[in-house]
Amino acid sequence: MTVLKKQRIDLRLTEADKSMIEEAAAMTNQTVTQFLVNSASERAAEVIEQHRRLLLSEASWNQVMDAIENPPEPSDKLKRAARRLQNME
């Protein structure tokens, strides 16, 4: 089934950028639109992946693991919040 595409993005390019994109699209046997959508989508996926990935130093990793393995006692404030939530259910 063909998906009807309704979204649009307008771009303003220099003549040099436009020519380069047209040439690259032709070399990859794609329309300019296909080339731009494919290129932008690939880059967007890379950026999203980088921002979603959490990188920790060894010391930070050890702190996280210690907190998971040895959680602190809940504070009075946290206990009150848990009771309020339980009463709402």
Protein backbone atom coordinates (compact mmCIF):
# COMPACT_ATOMS: atom_id res chain seq x y z
CA MET A 1 0.00 0.00 0.00
CA THR A 2 1.32 3.44 -0.90
CA VAL A 3 1.55 5.93 1.92
CA LEU A 4 0.27 9.37 1.04
CA LYS A 5 2.90 11.91 2.06
CA LYS A 6 1.43 15.20 3.21
CA GLN A 7 4.28 16.86 5.08
CA ARG A 8 6.51 19.39 3.41
CA ILE A 9 9.78 21.16 4.25
CA ASP A 10 10.92 24.14 2.23
CA LEU A 11 14.64 24.80 1.91
CA ARG A 12 16.66 27.74 0.77
CA LEU A 13 19.99 26.67 -0.72
CA THR A 14 22.93 28.24 -2.39
CA GLU A 15 23.29 27.39 -6.05
CA ALA A 16 26.41 25.38 -5.21
CA ASP A 17 24.62 23.30 -2.57
CA LYS A 18 21.68 22.68 -4.89
CA SER A 19 23.94 21.56 -7.72
CA MET A 20 25.92 19.26 -5.44
CA ILE A 21 22.73 17.66 -4.06
CA GLU A 22 21.31 17.19 -7.56
CA GLU A 23 24.54 15.58 -8.73
CA ALA A 24 24.68 13.24 -5.72
CA ALA A 25 21.02 12.29 -6.21
CA ALA A 26 21.66 11.49 -9.86
CA MET A 27 24.75 9.43 -8.97
CA THR A 28 22.69 7.36 -6.53
CA ASN A 29 19.80 7.03 -9.00
CA GLN A 30 17.39 8.88 -6.70
CA THR A 31 15.24 11.94 -7.05
CA VAL A 32 16.41 15.00 -5.14
CA THR A 33 13.54 14.46 -2.72
CA GLN A 34 14.46 10.80 -2.15
CA PHE A 35 18.10 11.72 -1.68
CA LEU A 36 17.33 14.48 0.82
CA VAL A 37 14.81 12.43 2.79
CA ASN A 38 17.13 9.40 2.95
CA SER A 39 20.16 11.48 3.92
CA ALA A 40 18.30 13.54 6.52
CA SER A 41 16.59 10.48 8.00
CA GLU A 42 19.88 8.61 8.37
CA ARG A 43 21.51 11.59 10.06
CA ALA A 44 18.49 12.14 12.30
CA ALA A 45 18.64 8.51 13.44
CA GLU A 46 22.36 8.91 14.26
CA VAL A 47 21.76 12.08 16.29
CA ILE A 48 18.84 10.54 18.18
CA GLU A 49 20.87 7.42 18.96
CA GLN A 50 23.78 9.49 20.26
CA HIS A 51 21.52 11.51 22.53
CA ARG A 52 19.66 8.47 23.84
CA ARG A 53 22.80 6.54 24.67
CA LEU A 54 24.11 7.14 28.15
CA LEU A 55 27.87 7.13 28.48
CA LEU A 56 29.35 6.98 31.97
CA SER A 57 32.87 7.05 33.27
CA GLU A 58 33.92 4.01 35.29
CA ALA A 59 33.53 5.95 38.52
CA SER A 60 30.01 7.09 37.58
CA TRP A 61 29.07 3.56 36.53
CA ASN A 62 30.27 2.26 39.90
CA GLN A 63 28.16 4.87 41.70
CA VAL A 64 25.06 3.86 39.75
CA MET A 65 25.65 0.17 40.41
CA ASP A 66 26.27 0.83 44.10
CA ALA A 67 23.00 2.79 44.35
CA ILE A 68 21.14 -0.09 42.68
CA GLU A 69 22.73 -2.74 44.86
CA ASN A 70 22.57 -0.70 48.10
CA PRO A 71 19.61 1.65 47.82
CA PRO A 72 19.33 4.26 50.57
CA GLU A 73 16.48 4.14 53.07
CA PRO A 74 13.45 6.10 51.85
CA SER A 75 13.21 9.57 53.33
CA ASP A 76 10.13 10.75 55.24
CA LYS A 77 9.17 12.91 52.26
CA LEU A 78 9.32 9.92 49.91
CA LYS A 79 7.27 7.80 52.34
CA ARG A 80 4.58 10.51 52.54
CA ALA A 81 4.48 10.76 48.73
CA ALA A 82 4.08 6.97 48.46
CA ARG A 83 1.20 7.01 50.95
CA ARG A 84 -0.53 9.82 49.05
CA LEU A 85 -0.18 7.90 45.81
CA GLN A 86 -1.49 4.73 47.43
CA ASN A 87 -4.51 6.63 48.80
CA MET A 88 -5.31 7.96 45.30
CA GLU A 89 -5.62 4.45 43.84
